[in-house]
Amino acid sequence: MVTEFNTKLALPAHFTARPTTMDDLEAAVSLLNTCAIHITGAPNTNLADLRSEWEDPTFDLQASSQVVFSPEGQLVGYIEVWDTAPIPVTPWVWGRVHPAYEGQGIGSFLMEWGEARARQAIARCPDDVRVAFHSSTPSTYLPAQRLFLRHGLSLVRHFWRMAIEFDEAPQPVVWNNGLTIRTFADVPDLTAVYQASDDAFQDHWGHVAQPLETGIKQWQHWVENDPDFDPTLWLLAMDGDQIAGISLCRHRADDDPDMGWVNNLGVRRPWRQKGLGLALLQHSFAVLHQRGKQRVGLGVDADSLTGATRLYEKAGMKVIRQADAYEKVLRPGRDISRH
């Protein structure tokens, strides 16, 4: 399905826009990396990762994204809208404009298209619930901040990238309280890991419950299509046959191949306040260090309701970057995405 809207804003003369297709993959990777280098100093996208996102079984590429071309045929703008949740109360709108083409109205055109596309999510939500689309930008990138404010978005949250650099090998963790550490290679039960993650993150800002089969379908796609997926880096703290906590790691950050990455760290409610989160994090440090990583990073909600930032600071991590989250309310109502 192709989605078209009559936007009030026009592109510059002789620029064109159309739905994205898989034929745009290489040009899109080039654009996104050019933008990433301009904004943060390093590329953060590759063909395999972007292809996996575009082929996500819940995502309709042509209906949910647009590309903009210069008069010379260069891809200079891109936007995507993710409203794939069964109850899509927080559609995600994200885009980029080539730095050489900023200030010409391309970002505003794409943002207006993205908002119109996000509004389609309202019809799939209960009549009484709040619907708001979200986006984000590195806190140092002023053009995006100005664009968001012009289009009626409000700053609502900060997210930190935190990291630690090792002067020496991390100490091994001593597991107690009957807990043992396994990996996904030992316990290849994707449903159990997904349920543990969903349970651990139900207290997090923006979390909305979804049917098990929907989440499993998406996770299965990620696992099968991520060339960097390593089941021995998915660390599981086990209490008998139950998963008490998880640390799902990757051997590299998207924009830094030398940095190990803790992608998903969570402890289920019955096992909290017992030091398990810190133990899992420290074990992750040790495992990634054994793989040759001298630095490890992760992302975290700066206002985490579970106190994650304090835990990471206790482990020796420091804030190295901040991203700012913005939202625009499309329909007021009962908020089912916050706690």
C-alpha atoms as a PDB file:
ATOM      1  CA  MET A   1       0.000   0.000   0.000  1.00  0.00           C
ATOM      2  CA  VAL A   2       1.290   3.473  -0.902  1.00  0.00           C
ATOM      3  CA  THR A   3       0.326   6.363   1.356  1.00  0.00           C
ATOM      4  CA  GLU A   4      -0.048   9.850  -0.136  1.00  0.00           C
ATOM      5  CA  PHE A   5      -1.106  13.059   1.602  1.00  0.00           C
ATOM      6  CA  ASN A   6      -1.859  16.549   0.384  1.00  0.00           C
ATOM      7  CA  THR A   7       0.729  18.424   2.448  1.00  0.00           C
ATOM      8  CA  LYS A   8       0.525  22.197   2.793  1.00  0.00           C
ATOM      9  CA  LEU A   9       4.279  22.570   2.402  1.00  0.00           C
ATOM     10  CA  ALA A  10       6.047  22.186  -0.916  1.00  0.00           C
ATOM     11  CA  LEU A  11       9.512  20.960  -1.738  1.00  0.00           C
ATOM     12  CA  PRO A  12      12.019  23.290  -3.409  1.00  0.00           C
ATOM     13  CA  ALA A  13      11.682  23.570  -7.175  1.00  0.00           C
ATOM     14  CA  HIS A  14      12.525  20.362  -9.057  1.00  0.00           C
ATOM     15  CA  PHE A  15      12.920  18.282  -5.881  1.00  0.00           C
ATOM     16  CA  THR A  16      10.715  15.190  -5.773  1.00  0.00           C
ATOM     17  CA  ALA A  17       9.361  12.828  -3.128  1.00  0.00           C
ATOM     18  CA  ARG A  18       7.985   9.311  -3.325  1.00  0.00           C
ATOM     19  CA  PRO A  19       7.524   6.186  -1.196  1.00  0.00           C
ATOM     20  CA  THR A  20      10.710   4.311  -0.354  1.00  0.00           C
ATOM     21  CA  THR A  21      11.495   1.021  -2.087  1.00  0.00           C
ATOM     22  CA  MET A  22      14.171  -1.599  -1.470  1.00  0.00           C
ATOM     23  CA  ASP A  23      16.001  -0.221  -4.510  1.00  0.00           C
ATOM     24  CA  ASP A  24      16.790   2.850  -2.376  1.00  0.00           C
ATOM     25  CA  LEU A  25      18.721   0.835   0.211  1.00  0.00           C
ATOM     26  CA  GLU A  26      22.295   1.705  -0.764  1.00  0.00           C
ATOM     27  CA  ALA A  27      21.513   5.385  -1.314  1.00  0.00           C
ATOM     28  CA  ALA A  28      19.682   5.539   2.018  1.00  0.00           C
ATOM     29  CA  VAL A  29      22.625   4.002   3.884  1.00  0.00           C
ATOM     30  CA  SER A  30      24.898   6.589   2.282  1.00  0.00           C
ATOM     31  CA  LEU A  31      22.548   9.421   3.277  1.00  0.00           C
ATOM     32  CA  LEU A  32      22.091   8.220   6.853  1.00  0.00           C
ATOM     33  CA  ASN A  33      25.817   7.763   7.381  1.00  0.00           C
ATOM     34  CA  THR A  34      26.572  11.190   5.916  1.00  0.00           C
ATOM     35  CA  CYS A  35      24.085  12.665   8.381  1.00  0.00           C
ATOM     36  CA  ALA A  36      25.447  10.623  11.291  1.00  0.00           C
ATOM     37  CA  ILE A  37      29.010  11.773  10.606  1.00  0.00           C
ATOM     38  CA  HIS A  38      27.783  15.366  10.431  1.00  0.00           C
ATOM     39  CA  ILE A  39      25.803  15.092  13.689  1.00  0.00           C
ATOM     40  CA  THR A  40      27.880  12.797  15.919  1.00  0.00           C
ATOM     41  CA  GLY A  41      31.149  12.259  14.067  1.00  0.00           C
ATOM     42  CA  ALA A  42      30.729   8.597  13.103  1.00  0.00           C
ATOM     43  CA  PRO A  43      28.631   6.459  10.726  1.00  0.00           C
ATOM     44  CA  ASN A  44      25.966   4.309  12.386  1.00  0.00           C
ATOM     45  CA  THR A  45      24.192   2.371   9.625  1.00  0.00           C
ATOM     46  CA  ASN A  46      25.042  -0.524   7.329  1.00  0.00           C
ATOM     47  CA  LEU A  47      23.245  -2.366   4.558  1.00  0.00           C
ATOM     48  CA  ALA A  48      22.392  -5.429   6.640  1.00  0.00           C
ATOM     49  CA  ASP A  49      20.904  -3.487   9.546  1.00  0.00           C
ATOM     50  CA  LEU A  50      18.814  -1.151   7.396  1.00  0.00           C
ATOM     51  CA  ARG A  51      17.627  -4.010   5.201  1.00  0.00           C
ATOM     52  CA  SER A  52      16.546  -5.880   8.337  1.00  0.00           C
ATOM     53  CA  GLU A  53      14.566  -2.851   9.535  1.00  0.00           C
ATOM     54  CA  TRP A  54      12.885  -2.338   6.175  1.00  0.00           C
ATOM     55  CA  GLU A  55      12.007  -6.026   5.948  1.00  0.00           C
ATOM     56  CA  ASP A  56      10.550  -6.147   9.456  1.00  0.00           C
ATOM     57  CA  PRO A  57       7.301  -8.137   9.068  1.00  0.00           C
ATOM     58  CA  THR A  58       5.336  -5.469  10.945  1.00  0.00           C
ATOM     59  CA  PHE A  59       6.619  -2.558   8.822  1.00  0.00           C
ATOM     60  CA  ASP A  60       5.162  -1.502   5.460  1.00  0.00           C
ATOM     61  CA  LEU A  61       8.066   0.293   3.795  1.00  0.00           C
ATOM     62  CA  GLN A  62       6.129   2.014   1.015  1.00  0.00           C
ATOM     63  CA  ALA A  63       3.211   3.059   3.214  1.00  0.00           C
ATOM     64  CA  SER A  64       5.354   4.235   6.111  1.00  0.00           C
ATOM     65  CA  SER A  65       8.325   6.057   4.603  1.00  0.00           C
ATOM     66  CA  GLN A  66       9.263   8.684   2.050  1.00  0.00           C
ATOM     67  CA  VAL A  67      12.427   9.660   0.220  1.00  0.00           C
ATOM     68  CA  VAL A  68      13.281  13.038  -1.292  1.00  0.00           C
ATOM     69  CA  PHE A  69      15.529  13.494  -4.326  1.00  0.00           C
ATOM     70  CA  SER A  70      17.430  16.540  -5.551  1.00  0.00           C
ATOM     71  CA  PRO A  71      17.035  17.742  -9.151  1.00  0.00           C
ATOM     72  CA  GLU A  72      20.198  15.755  -9.933  1.00  0.00           C
ATOM     73  CA  GLY A  73      18.638  12.545  -8.603  1.00  0.00           C
ATOM     74  CA  GLN A  74      20.548  12.344  -5.313  1.00  0.00           C
ATOM     75  CA  LEU A  75      18.647  10.982  -2.313  1.00  0.00           C
ATOM     76  CA  VAL A  76      18.762  13.903   0.142  1.00  0.00           C
ATOM     77  CA  GLY A  77      15.908  13.259   2.585  1.00  0.00           C
ATOM     78  CA  TYR A  78      14.273  10.325   4.311  1.00  0.00           C
ATOM     79  CA  ILE A  79      11.540   9.811   6.893  1.00  0.00           C
ATOM     80  CA  GLU A  80       9.900   6.745   8.417  1.00  0.00           C
ATOM     81  CA  VAL A  81       6.908   6.209  10.697  1.00  0.00           C
ATOM     82  CA  TRP A  82       6.679   3.194  12.994  1.00  0.00           C
ATOM     83  CA  ASP A  83       3.152   2.569  14.225  1.00  0.00           C
ATOM     84  CA  THR A  84       3.506  -1.199  14.269  1.00  0.00           C
ATOM     85  CA  ALA A  85       2.227  -1.870  17.794  1.00  0.00           C
ATOM     86  CA  PRO A  86      -1.246  -3.444  17.986  1.00  0.00           C
ATOM     87  CA  ILE A  87      -2.386  -0.335  19.885  1.00  0.00           C
ATOM     88  CA  PRO A  88      -0.131   2.333  18.332  1.00  0.00           C
ATOM     89  CA  VAL A  89      -0.554   5.135  20.876  1.00  0.00           C
ATOM     90  CA  THR A  90       3.031   6.374  20.395  1.00  0.00           C
ATOM     91  CA  PRO A  91       3.940   6.314  16.691  1.00  0.00           C
ATOM     92  CA  TRP A  92       7.645   6.886  16.121  1.00  0.00           C
ATOM     93  CA  VAL A  93       8.617   9.441  13.457  1.00  0.00           C
ATOM     94  CA  TRP A  94      12.264   9.653  12.443  1.00  0.00           C
ATOM     95  CA  GLY A  95      14.049  11.231   9.519  1.00  0.00           C
ATOM     96  CA  ARG A  96      17.181  12.819   8.146  1.00  0.00           C
ATOM     97  CA  VAL A  97      18.098  15.528   5.622  1.00  0.00           C
ATOM     98  CA  HIS A  98      21.490  15.677   3.930  1.00  0.00           C
ATOM     99  CA  PRO A  99      23.503  18.433   5.666  1.00  0.00           C
ATOM    100  CA  ALA A 100      24.245  20.131   2.336  1.00  0.00           C
ATOM    101  CA  TYR A 101      20.489  20.544   1.763  1.00  0.00           C
ATOM    102  CA  GLU A 102      19.390  21.777   5.182  1.00  0.00           C
ATOM    103  CA  GLY A 103      17.483  25.040   5.429  1.00  0.00           C
ATOM    104  CA  GLN A 104      15.544  24.542   2.186  1.00  0.00           C
ATOM    105  CA  GLY A 105      12.280  23.249   3.654  1.00  0.00           C
ATOM    106  CA  ILE A 106      12.933  19.542   3.071  1.00  0.00           C
ATOM    107  CA  GLY A 107      12.820  18.725   6.772  1.00  0.00           C
ATOM    108  CA  SER A 108       9.549  20.601   7.218  1.00  0.00           C
ATOM    109  CA  PHE A 109       8.023  18.811   4.229  1.00  0.00           C
ATOM    110  CA  LEU A 110       9.034  15.439   5.633  1.00  0.00           C
ATOM    111  CA  MET A 111       7.886  16.281   9.147  1.00  0.00           C
ATOM    112  CA  GLU A 112       4.455  17.313   7.858  1.00  0.00           C
ATOM    113  CA  TRP A 113       4.221  14.062   5.893  1.00  0.00           C
ATOM    114  CA  GLY A 114       5.309  12.109   8.969  1.00  0.00           C
ATOM    115  CA  GLU A 115       2.690  13.718  11.182  1.00  0.00           C
ATOM    116  CA  ALA A 116      -0.064  13.045   8.646  1.00  0.00           C
ATOM    117  CA  ARG A 117       1.053   9.425   8.430  1.00  0.00           C
ATOM    118  CA  ALA A 118       1.227   9.137  12.237  1.00  0.00           C
ATOM    119  CA  ARG A 119      -2.348  10.408  12.519  1.00  0.00           C
ATOM    120  CA  GLN A 120      -3.503   7.259  10.750  1.00  0.00           C
ATOM    121  CA  ALA A 121      -2.672   5.400  13.965  1.00  0.00           C
ATOM    122  CA  ILE A 122      -5.535   7.120  15.788  1.00  0.00           C
ATOM    123  CA  ALA A 123      -8.145   4.949  14.075  1.00  0.00           C
ATOM    124  CA  ARG A 124      -6.470   1.825  15.478  1.00  0.00           C
ATOM    125  CA  CYS A 125      -6.569   3.007  19.097  1.00  0.00           C
ATOM    126  CA  PRO A 126      -9.463   2.946  21.595  1.00  0.00           C
ATOM    127  CA  ASP A 127     -11.554   6.103  21.421  1.00  0.00           C
ATOM    128  CA  ASP A 128     -10.641   7.323  24.908  1.00  0.00           C
ATOM    129  CA  VAL A 129      -6.841   6.951  24.859  1.00  0.00           C
ATOM    130  CA  ARG A 130      -4.145   9.529  24.294  1.00  0.00           C
ATOM    131  CA  VAL A 131      -2.184   9.305  21.026  1.00  0.00           C
ATOM    132  CA  ALA A 132       1.093  11.194  20.577  1.00  0.00           C
ATOM    133  CA  PHE A 133       3.872  10.765  18.073  1.00  0.00           C
ATOM    134  CA  HIS A 134       7.474  10.776  19.259  1.00  0.00           C
ATOM    135  CA  SER A 135      10.837  11.629  17.776  1.00  0.00           C
ATOM    136  CA  SER A 136      14.306  12.364  19.107  1.00  0.00           C
ATOM    137  CA  THR A 137      17.599  14.043  18.307  1.00  0.00           C
ATOM    138  CA  PRO A 138      21.060  14.314  19.829  1.00  0.00           C
ATOM    139  CA  SER A 139      20.933  17.197  22.293  1.00  0.00           C
ATOM    140  CA  THR A 140      23.691  19.039  20.428  1.00  0.00           C
ATOM    141  CA  TYR A 141      21.907  19.046  17.066  1.00  0.00           C
ATOM    142  CA  LEU A 142      20.096  22.367  16.989  1.00  0.00           C
ATOM    143  CA  PRO A 143      18.539  22.135  13.471  1.00  0.00           C
ATOM    144  CA  ALA A 144      16.413  19.158  14.532  1.00  0.00           C
ATOM    145  CA  GLN A 145      15.408  20.838  17.783  1.00  0.00           C
ATOM    146  CA  ARG A 146      14.267  23.942  15.917  1.00  0.00           C
ATOM    147  CA  LEU A 147      12.382  21.803  13.387  1.00  0.00           C
ATOM    148  CA  PHE A 148      10.530  19.958  16.147  1.00  0.00           C
ATOM    149  CA  LEU A 149       9.538  23.147  17.939  1.00  0.00           C
ATOM    150  CA  ARG A 150       8.292  24.760  14.711  1.00  0.00           C
ATOM    151  CA  HIS A 151       6.035  21.762  14.155  1.00  0.00           C
ATOM    152  CA  GLY A 152       4.532  21.848  17.627  1.00  0.00           C
ATOM    153  CA  LEU A 153       6.531  19.124  19.358  1.00  0.00           C
ATOM    154  CA  SER A 154       7.530  19.474  23.012  1.00  0.00           C
ATOM    155  CA  LEU A 155      10.619  18.232  24.817  1.00  0.00           C
ATOM    156  CA  VAL A 156       9.523  15.435  27.163  1.00  0.00           C
ATOM    157  CA  ARG A 157      12.517  13.293  28.076  1.00  0.00           C
ATOM    158  CA  HIS A 158      16.274  12.885  27.996  1.00  0.00           C
ATOM    159  CA  PHE A 159      18.139   9.687  27.190  1.00  0.00           C
ATOM    160  CA  TRP A 160      21.786   9.103  27.949  1.00  0.00           C
ATOM    161  CA  ARG A 161      24.508   7.064  26.364  1.00  0.00           C
ATOM    162  CA  MET A 162      26.721   5.888  29.198  1.00  0.00           C
ATOM    163  CA  ALA A 163      30.059   4.120  28.868  1.00  0.00           C
ATOM    164  CA  ILE A 164      32.935   2.680  30.836  1.00  0.00           C
ATOM    165  CA  GLU A 165      36.568   2.259  29.812  1.00  0.00           C
ATOM    166  CA  PHE A 166      38.567  -0.487  31.456  1.00  0.00           C
ATOM    167  CA  ASP A 167      41.998   0.138  32.951  1.00  0.00           C
ATOM    168  CA  GLU A 168      42.198  -3.533  33.876  1.00  0.00           C
ATOM    169  CA  ALA A 169      40.180  -6.694  33.413  1.00  0.00           C
ATOM    170  CA  PRO A 170      36.795  -6.568  35.212  1.00  0.00           C
ATOM    171  CA  GLN A 171      36.545  -8.848  38.215  1.00  0.00           C
ATOM    172  CA  PRO A 172      34.470 -12.028  37.777  1.00  0.00           C
ATOM    173  CA  VAL A 173      31.031 -11.998  39.400  1.00  0.00           C
ATOM    174  CA  VAL A 174      30.231 -14.350  42.263  1.00  0.00           C
ATOM    175  CA  TRP A 175      26.632 -15.523  41.864  1.00  0.00           C
ATOM    176  CA  ASN A 176      24.616 -16.212  44.992  1.00  0.00           C
ATOM    177  CA  ASN A 177      21.007 -16.712  46.142  1.00  0.00           C
ATOM    178  CA  GLY A 178      20.844 -19.856  44.042  1.00  0.00           C
ATOM    179  CA  LEU A 179      21.220 -17.959  40.767  1.00  0.00           C
ATOM    180  CA  THR A 180      23.266 -19.195  37.830  1.00  0.00           C
ATOM    181  CA  ILE A 181      24.332 -17.499  34.617  1.00  0.00           C
ATOM    182  CA  ARG A 182      23.543 -19.067  31.246  1.00  0.00           C
ATOM    183  CA  THR A 183      23.439 -17.815  27.677  1.00  0.00           C
ATOM    184  CA  PHE A 184      20.875 -18.024  24.915  1.00  0.00           C
ATOM    185  CA  ALA A 185      23.130 -20.613  23.307  1.00  0.00           C
ATOM    186  CA  ASP A 186      22.496 -22.783  26.397  1.00  0.00           C
ATOM    187  CA  VAL A 187      18.785 -21.927  26.702  1.00  0.00           C
ATOM    188  CA  PRO A 188      17.551 -21.089  23.165  1.00  0.00           C
ATOM    189  CA  ASP A 189      13.997 -20.251  24.203  1.00  0.00           C
ATOM    190  CA  LEU A 190      13.135 -16.986  22.460  1.00  0.00           C
ATOM    191  CA  THR A 191       9.642 -16.869  23.951  1.00  0.00           C
ATOM    192  CA  ALA A 192      11.000 -17.107  27.497  1.00  0.00           C
ATOM    193  CA  VAL A 193      13.601 -14.401  26.855  1.00  0.00           C
ATOM    194  CA  TYR A 194      11.032 -12.106  25.242  1.00  0.00           C
ATOM    195  CA  GLN A 195       8.640 -12.565  28.162  1.00  0.00           C
ATOM    196  CA  ALA A 196      11.421 -11.847  30.652  1.00  0.00           C
ATOM    197  CA  SER A 197      12.332  -8.662  28.776  1.00  0.00           C
ATOM    198  CA  ASP A 198       8.734  -7.504  28.476  1.00  0.00           C
ATOM    199  CA  ASP A 199       8.154  -8.185  32.169  1.00  0.00           C
ATOM    200  CA  ALA A 200      11.329  -6.357  33.212  1.00  0.00           C
ATOM    201  CA  PHE A 201      10.479  -3.298  31.121  1.00  0.00           C
ATOM    202  CA  GLN A 202       6.814  -2.915  32.033  1.00  0.00           C
ATOM    203  CA  ASP A 203       7.781  -0.104  34.442  1.00  0.00           C
ATOM    204  CA  HIS A 204       9.618   1.882  31.795  1.00  0.00           C
ATOM    205  CA  TRP A 205       8.375   5.130  30.291  1.00  0.00           C
ATOM    206  CA  GLY A 206       6.404   4.576  27.116  1.00  0.00           C
ATOM    207  CA  HIS A 207       5.909   0.839  27.593  1.00  0.00           C
ATOM    208  CA  VAL A 208       2.659  -0.482  26.130  1.00  0.00           C
ATOM    209  CA  ALA A 209       1.755  -4.148  26.481  1.00  0.00           C
ATOM    210  CA  GLN A 210       1.266  -6.070  23.243  1.00  0.00           C
ATOM    211  CA  PRO A 211       0.187  -9.615  22.396  1.00  0.00           C
ATOM    212  CA  LEU A 212       2.881 -12.236  22.850  1.00  0.00           C
ATOM    213  CA  GLU A 213       2.696 -13.438  19.258  1.00  0.00           C
ATOM    214  CA  THR A 214       3.347  -9.916  17.927  1.00  0.00           C
ATOM    215  CA  GLY A 215       6.458  -9.429  20.011  1.00  0.00           C
ATOM    216  CA  ILE A 216       7.818 -12.885  19.246  1.00  0.00           C
ATOM    217  CA  LYS A 217       7.342 -12.384  15.504  1.00  0.00           C
ATOM    218  CA  GLN A 218       9.357  -9.173  15.613  1.00  0.00           C
ATOM    219  CA  TRP A 219      12.115 -10.599  17.808  1.00  0.00           C
ATOM    220  CA  GLN A 220      12.392 -13.685  15.591  1.00  0.00           C
ATOM    221  CA  HIS A 221      12.945 -11.426  12.605  1.00  0.00           C
ATOM    222  CA  TRP A 222      15.666  -9.501  14.437  1.00  0.00           C
ATOM    223  CA  VAL A 223      17.484 -12.651  15.524  1.00  0.00           C
ATOM    224  CA  GLU A 224      17.344 -14.237  12.084  1.00  0.00           C
ATOM    225  CA  ASN A 225      18.417 -11.117  10.185  1.00  0.00           C
ATOM    226  CA  ASP A 226      21.025  -9.504  12.434  1.00  0.00           C
ATOM    227  CA  PRO A 227      24.468 -10.531  11.124  1.00  0.00           C
ATOM    228  CA  ASP A 228      25.966  -9.504  14.470  1.00  0.00           C
ATOM    229  CA  PHE A 229      23.621 -11.598  16.596  1.00  0.00           C
ATOM    230  CA  ASP A 230      25.638 -13.802  18.947  1.00  0.00           C
ATOM    231  CA  PRO A 231      23.630 -16.117  21.225  1.00  0.00           C
ATOM    232  CA  THR A 232      26.597 -16.389  23.594  1.00  0.00           C
ATOM    233  CA  LEU A 233      26.268 -12.650  24.302  1.00  0.00           C
ATOM    234  CA  TRP A 234      22.659 -12.954  25.417  1.00  0.00           C
ATOM    235  CA  LEU A 235      23.237 -13.465  29.141  1.00  0.00           C
ATOM    236  CA  LEU A 236      20.484 -14.966  31.305  1.00  0.00           C
ATOM    237  CA  ALA A 237      20.415 -14.999  35.105  1.00  0.00           C
ATOM    238  CA  MET A 238      18.529 -18.169  35.987  1.00  0.00           C
ATOM    239  CA  ASP A 239      16.692 -19.053  39.192  1.00  0.00           C
ATOM    240  CA  GLY A 240      16.045 -22.717  38.590  1.00  0.00           C
ATOM    241  CA  ASP A 241      14.233 -22.834  35.252  1.00  0.00           C
ATOM    242  CA  GLN A 242      13.029 -19.214  35.481  1.00  0.00           C
ATOM    243  CA  ILE A 243      14.778 -16.229  33.918  1.00  0.00           C
ATOM    244  CA  ALA A 244      15.297 -13.676  36.700  1.00  0.00           C
ATOM    245  CA  GLY A 245      17.171 -11.114  34.633  1.00  0.00           C
ATOM    246  CA  ILE A 246      18.713 -10.566  31.222  1.00  0.00           C
ATOM    247  CA  SER A 247      21.605  -8.724  29.634  1.00  0.00           C
ATOM    248  CA  LEU A 248      21.335  -8.962  25.855  1.00  0.00           C
ATOM    249  CA  CYS A 249      24.641  -7.711  24.468  1.00  0.00           C
ATOM    250  CA  ARG A 250      26.201  -7.032  21.091  1.00  0.00           C
ATOM    251  CA  HIS A 251      29.879  -7.068  20.254  1.00  0.00           C
ATOM    252  CA  ARG A 252      29.724  -3.514  18.882  1.00  0.00           C
ATOM    253  CA  ALA A 253      27.802  -0.282  19.133  1.00  0.00           C
ATOM    254  CA  ASP A 254      26.114   0.866  15.929  1.00  0.00           C
ATOM    255  CA  ASP A 255      28.497   3.803  15.555  1.00  0.00           C
ATOM    256  CA  ASP A 256      31.591   2.383  17.256  1.00  0.00           C
ATOM    257  CA  PRO A 257      32.915  -1.076  16.338  1.00  0.00           C
ATOM    258  CA  ASP A 258      35.435  -0.900  19.185  1.00  0.00           C
ATOM    259  CA  MET A 259      32.770  -0.465  21.878  1.00  0.00           C
ATOM    260  CA  GLY A 260      30.884  -3.457  23.270  1.00  0.00           C
ATOM    261  CA  TRP A 261      27.179  -2.799  23.740  1.00  0.00           C
ATOM    262  CA  VAL A 262      24.658  -3.778  26.406  1.00  0.00           C
ATOM    263  CA  ASN A 263      21.497  -3.572  24.346  1.00  0.00           C
ATOM    264  CA  ASN A 264      18.904  -4.708  26.866  1.00  0.00           C
ATOM    265  CA  LEU A 265      19.476  -5.061  30.622  1.00  0.00           C
ATOM    266  CA  GLY A 266      16.539  -5.856  32.880  1.00  0.00           C
ATOM    267  CA  VAL A 267      15.552  -7.611  36.100  1.00  0.00           C
ATOM    268  CA  ARG A 268      12.064  -8.965  36.746  1.00  0.00           C
ATOM    269  CA  ARG A 269      10.202  -7.580  39.742  1.00  0.00           C
ATOM    270  CA  PRO A 270      10.480 -10.582  42.121  1.00  0.00           C
ATOM    271  CA  TRP A 271      14.301 -10.472  41.868  1.00  0.00           C
ATOM    272  CA  ARG A 272      14.846  -6.717  42.226  1.00  0.00           C
ATOM    273  CA  GLN A 273      16.611  -4.970  45.119  1.00  0.00           C
ATOM    274  CA  LYS A 274      18.989  -7.926  45.487  1.00  0.00           C
ATOM    275  CA  GLY A 275      21.960  -6.673  43.486  1.00  0.00           C
ATOM    276  CA  LEU A 276      21.121  -8.721  40.409  1.00  0.00           C
ATOM    277  CA  GLY A 277      21.124  -5.785  37.997  1.00  0.00           C
ATOM    278  CA  LEU A 278      24.622  -4.734  39.059  1.00  0.00           C
ATOM    279  CA  ALA A 279      25.862  -8.330  38.916  1.00  0.00           C
ATOM    280  CA  LEU A 280      24.492  -8.796  35.391  1.00  0.00           C
ATOM    281  CA  LEU A 281      26.069  -5.546  34.242  1.00  0.00           C
ATOM    282  CA  GLN A 282      29.442  -6.412  35.739  1.00  0.00           C
ATOM    283  CA  HIS A 283      29.275  -9.881  34.204  1.00  0.00           C
ATOM    284  CA  SER A 284      28.515  -8.254  30.843  1.00  0.00           C
ATOM    285  CA  PHE A 285      31.622  -6.101  31.247  1.00  0.00           C
ATOM    286  CA  ALA A 286      33.731  -9.193  31.919  1.00  0.00           C
ATOM    287  CA  VAL A 287      32.337 -11.136  28.961  1.00  0.00           C
ATOM    288  CA  LEU A 288      32.775  -8.255  26.519  1.00  0.00           C
ATOM    289  CA  HIS A 289      36.269  -7.547  27.835  1.00  0.00           C
ATOM    290  CA  GLN A 290      37.158 -11.182  27.194  1.00  0.00           C
ATOM    291  CA  ARG A 291      36.052 -10.570  23.591  1.00  0.00           C
ATOM    292  CA  GLY A 292      38.630  -7.785  23.323  1.00  0.00           C
ATOM    293  CA  LYS A 293      36.496  -4.763  24.189  1.00  0.00           C
ATOM    294  CA  GLN A 294      38.175  -2.040  26.249  1.00  0.00           C
ATOM    295  CA  ARG A 295      34.995   0.043  26.342  1.00  0.00           C
ATOM    296  CA  VAL A 296      31.343  -0.851  26.883  1.00  0.00           C
ATOM    297  CA  GLY A 297      28.305   1.371  26.428  1.00  0.00           C
ATOM    298  CA  LEU A 298      24.528   1.359  26.768  1.00  0.00           C
ATOM    299  CA  GLY A 299      21.530   3.656  26.439  1.00  0.00           C
ATOM    300  CA  VAL A 300      19.245   4.626  29.314  1.00  0.00           C
ATOM    301  CA  ASP A 301      16.291   6.840  30.149  1.00  0.00           C
ATOM    302  CA  ALA A 302      17.800   9.673  32.197  1.00  0.00           C
ATOM    303  CA  ASP A 303      14.670   9.680  34.384  1.00  0.00           C
ATOM    304  CA  SER A 304      14.426   5.897  34.680  1.00  0.00           C
ATOM    305  CA  LEU A 305      11.666   4.897  37.080  1.00  0.00           C
ATOM    306  CA  THR A 306      13.684   1.871  38.169  1.00  0.00           C
ATOM    307  CA  GLY A 307      16.811   3.815  39.132  1.00  0.00           C
ATOM    308  CA  ALA A 308      18.892   2.418  36.273  1.00  0.00           C
ATOM    309  CA  THR A 309      21.105   5.500  36.001  1.00  0.00           C
ATOM    310  CA  ARG A 310      22.219   5.168  39.631  1.00  0.00           C
ATOM    311  CA  LEU A 311      23.055   1.511  39.061  1.00  0.00           C
ATOM    312  CA  TYR A 312      25.159   2.306  35.999  1.00  0.00           C
ATOM    313  CA  GLU A 313      27.003   5.085  37.814  1.00  0.00           C
ATOM    314  CA  LYS A 314      27.697   2.680  40.672  1.00  0.00           C
ATOM    315  CA  ALA A 315      29.240   0.314  38.131  1.00  0.00           C
ATOM    316  CA  GLY A 316      31.591   3.080  36.980  1.00  0.00           C
ATOM    317  CA  MET A 317      29.789   4.243  33.844  1.00  0.00           C
ATOM    318  CA  LYS A 318      29.656   7.903  32.832  1.00  0.00           C
ATOM    319  CA  VAL A 319      27.378   9.925  30.556  1.00  0.00           C
ATOM    320  CA  ILE A 320      29.043  10.590  27.195  1.00  0.00           C
ATOM    321  CA  ARG A 321      26.082  11.734  25.076  1.00  0.00           C
ATOM    322  CA  GLN A 322      22.478  12.854  25.476  1.00  0.00           C
ATOM    323  CA  ALA A 323      19.500  12.485  23.167  1.00  0.00           C
ATOM    324  CA  ASP A 324      16.344  14.527  23.646  1.00  0.00           C
ATOM    325  CA  ALA A 325      12.909  12.991  23.113  1.00  0.00           C
ATOM    326  CA  TYR A 326      10.057  15.101  21.761  1.00  0.00           C
ATOM    327  CA  GLU A 327       6.374  14.416  21.295  1.00  0.00           C
ATOM    328  CA  LYS A 328       3.267  15.976  19.789  1.00  0.00           C
ATOM    329  CA  VAL A 329      -0.149  15.044  21.100  1.00  0.00           C
ATOM    330  CA  LEU A 330      -2.410  14.041  18.221  1.00  0.00           C
ATOM    331  CA  ARG A 331      -5.402  13.281  20.436  1.00  0.00           C
ATOM    332  CA  PRO A 332      -5.730  13.847  24.199  1.00  0.00           C
ATOM    333  CA  GLY A 333      -7.152  11.129  26.402  1.00  0.00           C
ATOM    334  CA  ARG A 334      -6.344   8.393  28.881  1.00  0.00           C
ATOM    335  CA  ASP A 335      -2.615   7.701  28.837  1.00  0.00           C
ATOM    336  CA  ILE A 336      -1.787   4.001  28.662  1.00  0.00           C
ATOM    337  CA  SER A 337       1.884   4.460  27.771  1.00  0.00           C
ATOM    338  CA  ARG A 338       3.227   5.912  31.028  1.00  0.00           C
ATOM    339  CA  HIS A 339       3.457   5.016  34.686  1.00  0.00           C
END
